[in-house]
PDB file of N, CA and C in Angstrom:
ATOM      1  N   MET A   1      28.280  21.396  25.348  1.00  0.00           N
ATOM      2  CA  MET A   1      27.463  21.542  26.360  1.00  0.00           C
ATOM      3  C   MET A   1      28.306  21.197  27.859  1.00  0.00           C
ATOM      4  N   GLU A   2      28.072  22.206  28.631  1.00  0.00           N
ATOM      5  CA  GLU A   2      28.514  22.073  29.976  1.00  0.00           C
ATOM      6  C   GLU A   2      27.503  21.678  30.843  1.00  0.00           C
ATOM      7  N   TYR A   3      27.487  20.673  31.853  1.00  0.00           N
ATOM      8  CA  TYR A   3      26.557  20.266  32.722  1.00  0.00           C
ATOM      9  C   TYR A   3      27.169  20.104  33.932  1.00  0.00           C
ATOM     10  N   THR A   4      26.640  20.566  35.166  1.00  0.00           N
ATOM     11  CA  THR A   4      26.988  20.484  36.299  1.00  0.00           C
ATOM     12  C   THR A   4      25.968  19.559  37.317  1.00  0.00           C
ATOM     13  N   ARG A   5      26.418  18.787  38.221  1.00  0.00           N
ATOM     14  CA  ARG A   5      25.575  18.203  39.142  1.00  0.00           C
ATOM     15  C   ARG A   5      26.219  17.912  40.541  1.00  0.00           C
ATOM     16  N   MET A   6      25.247  18.409  41.557  1.00  0.00           N
ATOM     17  CA  MET A   6      25.649  18.176  42.910  1.00  0.00           C
ATOM     18  C   MET A   6      25.740  16.356  43.000  1.00  0.00           C
ATOM     19  N   ASN A   7      26.952  15.798  43.615  1.00  0.00           N
ATOM     20  CA  ASN A   7      26.895  14.558  43.836  1.00  0.00           C
ATOM     21  C   ASN A   7      26.031  14.228  45.028  1.00  0.00           C
ATOM     22  N   LYS A   8      25.694  12.568  45.016  1.00  0.00           N
ATOM     23  CA  LYS A   8      24.912  12.217  46.303  1.00  0.00           C
ATOM     24  C   LYS A   8      25.538  10.769  46.824  1.00  0.00           C
ATOM     25  N   GLY A   9      25.876  10.574  48.143  1.00  0.00           N
ATOM     26  CA  GLY A   9      26.300   9.599  48.549  1.00  0.00           C
ATOM     27  C   GLY A   9      27.954   9.252  48.401  1.00  0.00           C
ATOM     28  N   VAL A  10      28.419  10.144  47.993  1.00  0.00           N
ATOM     29  CA  VAL A  10      29.977   9.972  48.002  1.00  0.00           C
ATOM     30  C   VAL A  10      30.629  11.341  48.497  1.00  0.00           C
ATOM     31  N   CYS A  11      31.934  10.862  48.713  1.00  0.00           N
ATOM     32  CA  CYS A  11      32.906  11.898  49.400  1.00  0.00           C
ATOM     33  C   CYS A  11      33.113  13.343  48.419  1.00  0.00           C
ATOM     34  N   SER A  12      32.848  13.228  46.998  1.00  0.00           N
ATOM     35  CA  SER A  12      33.104  14.393  46.498  1.00  0.00           C
ATOM     36  C   SER A  12      31.708  14.995  46.256  1.00  0.00           C
ATOM     37  N   ARG A  13      31.799  16.306  46.100  1.00  0.00           N
ATOM     38  CA  ARG A  13      30.495  17.163  46.044  1.00  0.00           C
ATOM     39  C   ARG A  13      29.957  17.569  45.018  1.00  0.00           C
ATOM     40  N   SER A  14      30.510  17.709  43.527  1.00  0.00           N
ATOM     41  CA  SER A  14      29.832  17.823  42.456  1.00  0.00           C
ATOM     42  C   SER A  14      30.897  17.459  41.268  1.00  0.00           C
ATOM     43  N   THR A  15      29.964  17.038  40.075  1.00  0.00           N
ATOM     44  CA  THR A  15      30.679  16.652  39.119  1.00  0.00           C
ATOM     45  C   THR A  15      30.061  17.729  37.571  1.00  0.00           C
ATOM     46  N   LYS A  16      31.121  18.039  37.148  1.00  0.00           N
ATOM     47  CA  LYS A  16      31.011  18.915  35.900  1.00  0.00           C
ATOM     48  C   LYS A  16      31.627  18.070  34.512  1.00  0.00           C
ATOM     49  N   VAL A  17      30.814  18.000  33.695  1.00  0.00           N
ATOM     50  CA  VAL A  17      31.282  17.325  32.396  1.00  0.00           C
ATOM     51  C   VAL A  17      30.966  18.457  31.132  1.00  0.00           C
ATOM     52  N   VAL A  18      32.254  18.237  30.271  1.00  0.00           N
ATOM     53  CA  VAL A  18      31.869  18.942  29.024  1.00  0.00           C
ATOM     54  C   VAL A  18      31.672  18.177  28.072  1.00  0.00           C
ATOM     55  N   ILE A  19      30.581  17.913  27.170  1.00  0.00           N
ATOM     56  CA  ILE A  19      30.320  17.020  26.064  1.00  0.00           C
ATOM     57  C   ILE A  19      30.153  17.697  24.760  1.00  0.00           C
ATOM     58  N   GLU A  20      30.765  17.748  23.721  1.00  0.00           N
ATOM     59  CA  GLU A  20      30.634  18.114  22.664  1.00  0.00           C
ATOM     60  C   GLU A  20      30.295  17.064  21.249  1.00  0.00           C
ATOM     61  N   ASP A  21      29.257  16.898  20.621  1.00  0.00           N
ATOM     62  CA  ASP A  21      28.902  16.093  19.493  1.00  0.00           C
ATOM     63  C   ASP A  21      28.966  14.518  20.213  1.00  0.00           C
ATOM     64  N   GLY A  22      28.719  14.707  21.276  1.00  0.00           N
ATOM     65  CA  GLY A  22      28.611  13.150  22.102  1.00  0.00           C
ATOM     66  C   GLY A  22      30.024  12.708  22.728  1.00  0.00           C
ATOM     67  N   ILE A  23      31.035  13.459  22.566  1.00  0.00           N
ATOM     68  CA  ILE A  23      32.357  13.100  23.031  1.00  0.00           C
ATOM     69  C   ILE A  23      32.423  13.943  24.404  1.00  0.00           C
ATOM     70  N   VAL A  24      33.214  13.233  25.320  1.00  0.00           N
ATOM     71  CA  VAL A  24      33.709  13.562  26.577  1.00  0.00           C
ATOM     72  C   VAL A  24      34.654  14.571  26.298  1.00  0.00           C
ATOM     73  N   LYS A  25      34.591  15.954  26.493  1.00  0.00           N
ATOM     74  CA  LYS A  25      35.913  16.769  26.454  1.00  0.00           C
ATOM     75  C   LYS A  25      36.483  17.086  27.624  1.00  0.00           C
ATOM     76  N   ASP A  26      35.469  17.337  28.633  1.00  0.00           N
ATOM     77  CA  ASP A  26      36.163  17.498  30.032  1.00  0.00           C
ATOM     78  C   ASP A  26      35.320  17.023  30.950  1.00  0.00           C
ATOM     79  N   ILE A  27      35.891  16.519  32.270  1.00  0.00           N
ATOM     80  CA  ILE A  27      35.147  16.140  33.378  1.00  0.00           C
ATOM     81  C   ILE A  27      36.111  16.658  34.507  1.00  0.00           C
ATOM     82  N   LYS A  28      35.432  17.538  35.429  1.00  0.00           N
ATOM     83  CA  LYS A  28      36.107  17.967  36.761  1.00  0.00           C
ATOM     84  C   LYS A  28      35.144  17.398  37.929  1.00  0.00           C
ATOM     85  N   VAL A  29      35.707  16.811  38.908  1.00  0.00           N
ATOM     86  CA  VAL A  29      34.896  16.129  40.044  1.00  0.00           C
ATOM     87  C   VAL A  29      35.400  17.182  41.294  1.00  0.00           C
ATOM     88  N   ILE A  30      34.825  17.920  41.872  1.00  0.00           N
ATOM     89  CA  ILE A  30      35.051  18.684  43.124  1.00  0.00           C
ATOM     90  C   ILE A  30      35.190  17.966  44.502  1.00  0.00           C
ATOM     91  N   GLY A  31      36.182  17.462  45.183  1.00  0.00           N
ATOM     92  CA  GLY A  31      36.216  16.929  46.279  1.00  0.00           C
ATOM     93  C   GLY A  31      36.465  15.150  46.024  1.00  0.00           C
ATOM     94  N   GLY A  32      36.432  14.231  46.938  1.00  0.00           N
ATOM     95  CA  GLY A  32      36.735  13.115  46.657  1.00  0.00           C
ATOM     96  C   GLY A  32      38.165  12.815  46.491  1.00  0.00           C
ATOM     97  N   CYS A  33      38.797  11.657  46.018  1.00  0.00           N
ATOM     98  CA  CYS A  33      40.219  11.389  45.838  1.00  0.00           C
ATOM     99  C   CYS A  33      40.687  11.604  44.587  1.00  0.00           C
ATOM    100  N   SER A  34      41.339  12.929  44.781  1.00  0.00           N
ATOM    101  CA  SER A  34      42.053  13.415  43.341  1.00  0.00           C
ATOM    102  C   SER A  34      42.682  12.670  42.333  1.00  0.00           C
ATOM    103  N   GLY A  35      43.651  11.588  42.967  1.00  0.00           N
ATOM    104  CA  GLY A  35      44.360  11.117  42.076  1.00  0.00           C
ATOM    105  C   GLY A  35      43.752   9.987  41.093  1.00  0.00           C
ATOM    106  N   ASN A  36      42.530   9.619  41.664  1.00  0.00           N
ATOM    107  CA  ASN A  36      41.696   8.502  40.938  1.00  0.00           C
ATOM    108  C   ASN A  36      40.575   9.598  40.200  1.00  0.00           C
ATOM    109  N   ILE A  37      40.461  10.452  40.597  1.00  0.00           N
ATOM    110  CA  ILE A  37      39.348  11.312  39.675  1.00  0.00           C
ATOM    111  C   ILE A  37      40.414  11.802  38.406  1.00  0.00           C
ATOM    112  N   GLU A  38      41.493  12.303  38.851  1.00  0.00           N
ATOM    113  CA  GLU A  38      42.203  12.829  37.599  1.00  0.00           C
ATOM    114  C   GLU A  38      42.575  11.537  36.507  1.00  0.00           C
ATOM    115  N   GLY A  39      43.009  10.406  37.264  1.00  0.00           N
ATOM    116  CA  GLY A  39      43.247   9.082  36.125  1.00  0.00           C
ATOM    117  C   GLY A  39      41.994   8.779  35.504  1.00  0.00           C
ATOM    118  N   ILE A  40      40.928   8.945  36.179  1.00  0.00           N
ATOM    119  CA  ILE A  40      39.352   8.558  35.354  1.00  0.00           C
ATOM    120  C   ILE A  40      39.243   9.372  34.242  1.00  0.00           C
ATOM    121  N   SER A  41      39.182  10.800  34.663  1.00  0.00           N
ATOM    122  CA  SER A  41      39.240  11.699  33.600  1.00  0.00           C
ATOM    123  C   SER A  41      40.264  11.730  32.531  1.00  0.00           C
ATOM    124  N   ARG A  42      41.204  11.484  32.608  1.00  0.00           N
ATOM    125  CA  ARG A  42      42.483  11.437  31.460  1.00  0.00           C
ATOM    126  C   ARG A  42      42.107  10.156  30.732  1.00  0.00           C
ATOM    127  N   LEU A  43      41.232   9.168  31.452  1.00  0.00           N
ATOM    128  CA  LEU A  43      41.150   7.995  30.656  1.00  0.00           C
ATOM    129  C   LEU A  43      39.758   8.256  29.721  1.00  0.00           C
ATOM    130  N   VAL A  44      38.822   8.956  30.128  1.00  0.00           N
ATOM    131  CA  VAL A  44      37.722   8.871  29.130  1.00  0.00           C
ATOM    132  C   VAL A  44      37.386  10.213  28.392  1.00  0.00           C
ATOM    133  N   ILE A  45      38.338  11.044  28.696  1.00  0.00           N
ATOM    134  CA  ILE A  45      38.298  12.019  27.482  1.00  0.00           C
ATOM    135  C   ILE A  45      38.592  11.791  26.112  1.00  0.00           C
ATOM    136  N   GLY A  46      37.526  11.996  25.499  1.00  0.00           N
ATOM    137  CA  GLY A  46      38.089  11.665  23.722  1.00  0.00           C
ATOM    138  C   GLY A  46      37.117  10.784  23.541  1.00  0.00           C
ATOM    139  N   MET A  47      36.149   9.826  24.727  1.00  0.00           N
ATOM    140  CA  MET A  47      35.494   8.894  24.294  1.00  0.00           C
ATOM    141  C   MET A  47      33.766   9.160  24.167  1.00  0.00           C
ATOM    142  N   LYS A  48      33.437   8.313  23.647  1.00  0.00           N
ATOM    143  CA  LYS A  48      31.726   8.749  23.353  1.00  0.00           C
ATOM    144  C   LYS A  48      31.003   8.861  24.851  1.00  0.00           C
ATOM    145  N   ALA A  49      30.448   9.623  25.025  1.00  0.00           N
ATOM    146  CA  ALA A  49      29.656  10.057  26.290  1.00  0.00           C
ATOM    147  C   ALA A  49      28.812   8.611  26.659  1.00  0.00           C
ATOM    148  N   GLU A  50      28.274   8.249  25.825  1.00  0.00           N
ATOM    149  CA  GLU A  50      27.252   6.778  26.256  1.00  0.00           C
ATOM    150  C   GLU A  50      28.256   5.811  26.605  1.00  0.00           C
ATOM    151  N   ASP A  51      28.952   5.788  25.882  1.00  0.00           N
ATOM    152  CA  ASP A  51      30.176   4.582  26.298  1.00  0.00           C
ATOM    153  C   ASP A  51      30.681   4.680  27.473  1.00  0.00           C
ATOM    154  N   VAL A  52      31.157   5.853  28.314  1.00  0.00           N
ATOM    155  CA  VAL A  52      31.537   6.210  29.508  1.00  0.00           C
ATOM    156  C   VAL A  52      30.512   5.902  30.538  1.00  0.00           C
ATOM    157  N   ALA A  53      28.998   6.491  30.219  1.00  0.00           N
ATOM    158  CA  ALA A  53      28.159   6.297  31.255  1.00  0.00           C
ATOM    159  C   ALA A  53      28.106   5.029  31.672  1.00  0.00           C
ATOM    160  N   LYS A  54      27.902   4.265  30.171  1.00  0.00           N
ATOM    161  CA  LYS A  54      27.557   2.410  30.241  1.00  0.00           C
ATOM    162  C   LYS A  54      28.712   1.998  31.169  1.00  0.00           C
ATOM    163  N   ARG A  55      30.220   2.007  31.201  1.00  0.00           N
ATOM    164  CA  ARG A  55      31.074   1.425  31.670  1.00  0.00           C
ATOM    165  C   ARG A  55      31.254   2.090  33.022  1.00  0.00           C
ATOM    166  N   MET A  56      30.468   2.916  33.612  1.00  0.00           N
ATOM    167  CA  MET A  56      30.633   3.346  34.904  1.00  0.00           C
ATOM    168  C   MET A  56      29.355   3.328  35.645  1.00  0.00           C
ATOM    169  N   LYS A  57      28.404   3.131  34.911  1.00  0.00           N
ATOM    170  CA  LYS A  57      27.102   2.929  35.865  1.00  0.00           C
ATOM    171  C   LYS A  57      27.150   1.857  36.742  1.00  0.00           C
ATOM    172  N   GLY A  58      26.879   1.956  38.006  1.00  0.00           N
ATOM    173  CA  GLY A  58      26.693   1.019  39.018  1.00  0.00           C
ATOM    174  C   GLY A  58      27.926   0.600  39.621  1.00  0.00           C
ATOM    175  N   VAL A  59      29.039   1.284  39.429  1.00  0.00           N
ATOM    176  CA  VAL A  59      30.449   1.003  40.294  1.00  0.00           C
ATOM    177  C   VAL A  59      30.366   1.471  41.590  1.00  0.00           C
ATOM    178  N   ARG A  60      30.358   0.564  42.572  1.00  0.00           N
ATOM    179  CA  ARG A  60      30.394   0.998  44.129  1.00  0.00           C
ATOM    180  C   ARG A  60      31.242   0.979  44.676  1.00  0.00           C
ATOM    181  N   CYS A  61      31.450   2.200  45.879  1.00  0.00           N
ATOM    182  CA  CYS A  61      32.687   2.152  46.456  1.00  0.00           C
ATOM    183  C   CYS A  61      32.727   1.758  47.852  1.00  0.00           C
ATOM    184  N   GLY A  62      33.115   0.564  48.015  1.00  0.00           N
ATOM    185  CA  GLY A  62      33.114   0.094  49.432  1.00  0.00           C
ATOM    186  C   GLY A  62      31.519  -0.526  49.765  1.00  0.00           C
ATOM    187  N   PHE A  63      31.320  -0.223  50.937  1.00  0.00           N
ATOM    188  CA  PHE A  63      29.999  -0.654  51.185  1.00  0.00           C
ATOM    189  C   PHE A  63      28.813   0.312  50.613  1.00  0.00           C
ATOM    190  N   LYS A  64      28.882   1.416  50.040  1.00  0.00           N
ATOM    191  CA  LYS A  64      28.412   2.365  49.533  1.00  0.00           C
ATOM    192  C   LYS A  64      27.633   2.238  48.170  1.00  0.00           C
ATOM    193  N   SER A  65      26.399   2.526  48.050  1.00  0.00           N
ATOM    194  CA  SER A  65      25.641   2.186  46.946  1.00  0.00           C
ATOM    195  C   SER A  65      26.159   2.637  45.605  1.00  0.00           C
ATOM    196  N   THR A  66      26.928   3.527  45.678  1.00  0.00           N
ATOM    197  CA  THR A  66      27.499   4.393  44.476  1.00  0.00           C
ATOM    198  C   THR A  66      29.019   4.772  44.921  1.00  0.00           C
ATOM    199  N   SER A  67      29.460   5.513  43.886  1.00  0.00           N
ATOM    200  CA  SER A  67      30.814   5.981  43.873  1.00  0.00           C
ATOM    201  C   SER A  67      30.925   7.338  43.059  1.00  0.00           C
ATOM    202  N   CYS A  68      32.494   7.486  42.969  1.00  0.00           N
ATOM    203  CA  CYS A  68      32.790   8.819  41.958  1.00  0.00           C
ATOM    204  C   CYS A  68      32.175   8.554  40.311  1.00  0.00           C
ATOM    205  N   PRO A  69      32.849   7.308  40.141  1.00  0.00           N
ATOM    206  CA  PRO A  69      32.546   6.694  38.559  1.00  0.00           C
ATOM    207  C   PRO A  69      31.137   6.811  38.264  1.00  0.00           C
ATOM    208  N   ASP A  70      30.422   6.058  39.567  1.00  0.00           N
ATOM    209  CA  ASP A  70      28.977   6.080  38.974  1.00  0.00           C
ATOM    210  C   ASP A  70      28.257   7.734  39.103  1.00  0.00           C
ATOM    211  N   GLN A  71      28.583   8.255  39.996  1.00  0.00           N
ATOM    212  CA  GLN A  71      28.412  10.061  39.925  1.00  0.00           C
ATOM    213  C   GLN A  71      28.270  10.448  38.479  1.00  0.00           C
ATOM    214  N   ILE A  72      29.737  10.178  38.072  1.00  0.00           N
ATOM    215  CA  ILE A  72      29.956  10.587  36.635  1.00  0.00           C
ATOM    216  C   ILE A  72      29.070  10.144  35.577  1.00  0.00           C
ATOM    217  N   ALA A  73      28.634   8.816  35.684  1.00  0.00           N
ATOM    218  CA  ALA A  73      27.809   8.039  34.847  1.00  0.00           C
ATOM    219  C   ALA A  73      26.464   8.804  34.927  1.00  0.00           C
ATOM    220  N   ILE A  74      26.151   9.017  36.128  1.00  0.00           N
ATOM    221  CA  ILE A  74      24.733   9.872  36.249  1.00  0.00           C
ATOM    222  C   ILE A  74      24.933  11.185  35.691  1.00  0.00           C
ATOM    223  N   THR A  75      25.751  11.908  35.715  1.00  0.00           N
ATOM    224  CA  THR A  75      25.883  13.564  35.549  1.00  0.00           C
ATOM    225  C   THR A  75      25.881  13.081  33.752  1.00  0.00           C
ATOM    226  N   ILE A  76      26.626  12.361  33.370  1.00  0.00           N
ATOM    227  CA  ILE A  76      26.571  12.348  31.635  1.00  0.00           C
ATOM    228  C   ILE A  76      25.272  11.940  31.255  1.00  0.00           C
ATOM    229  N   GLU A  77      24.403  10.788  31.832  1.00  0.00           N
ATOM    230  CA  GLU A  77      23.114  10.529  31.458  1.00  0.00           C
ATOM    231  C   GLU A  77      22.348  11.905  31.670  1.00  0.00           C
ATOM    232  N   GLU A  78      22.336  12.673  32.695  1.00  0.00           N
ATOM    233  CA  GLU A  78      21.629  13.748  32.675  1.00  0.00           C
ATOM    234  C   GLU A  78      21.933  14.632  31.776  1.00  0.00           C
ATOM    235  N   ALA A  79      23.071  15.022  31.299  1.00  0.00           N
ATOM    236  CA  ALA A  79      23.685  15.837  30.425  1.00  0.00           C
ATOM    237  C   ALA A  79      23.053  15.408  28.937  1.00  0.00           C
ATOM    238  N   LEU A  80      23.196  14.136  28.670  1.00  0.00           N
ATOM    239  CA  LEU A  80      22.752  13.800  27.349  1.00  0.00           C
ATOM    240  C   LEU A  80      21.240  13.912  27.187  1.00  0.00           C
ATOM    241  N   ALA A  81      20.703  13.935  28.378  1.00  0.00           N
ATOM    242  CA  ALA A  81      18.876  13.856  28.550  1.00  0.00           C
ATOM    243  C   ALA A  81      18.587  15.000  28.285  1.00  0.00           C
ATOM    244  N   LYS A  82      19.565  16.183  28.468  1.00  0.00           N
ATOM    245  CA  LYS A  82      19.128  17.574  28.106  1.00  0.00           C
ATOM    246  C   LYS A  82      18.877  17.947  26.803  1.00  0.00           C
TER     247      LYS A  82
END
């Protein structure tokens, strides 16, 4: 399943996740800090989607109430709920 969501409250514009059989197969984040996003993506590909969401949920970026990792978690949660 491929799911794309528009991000809110961060520099990046959107997040696309590909989940198959509950496993993260790919993550693409448009905008934001490309090195950090690529590193995060490489770390979580192959992990259970639920575990990724649990680990990243609530991470903040400086003074913001959210972050790109938090937005990835939200995207994964929404995808799993569909």
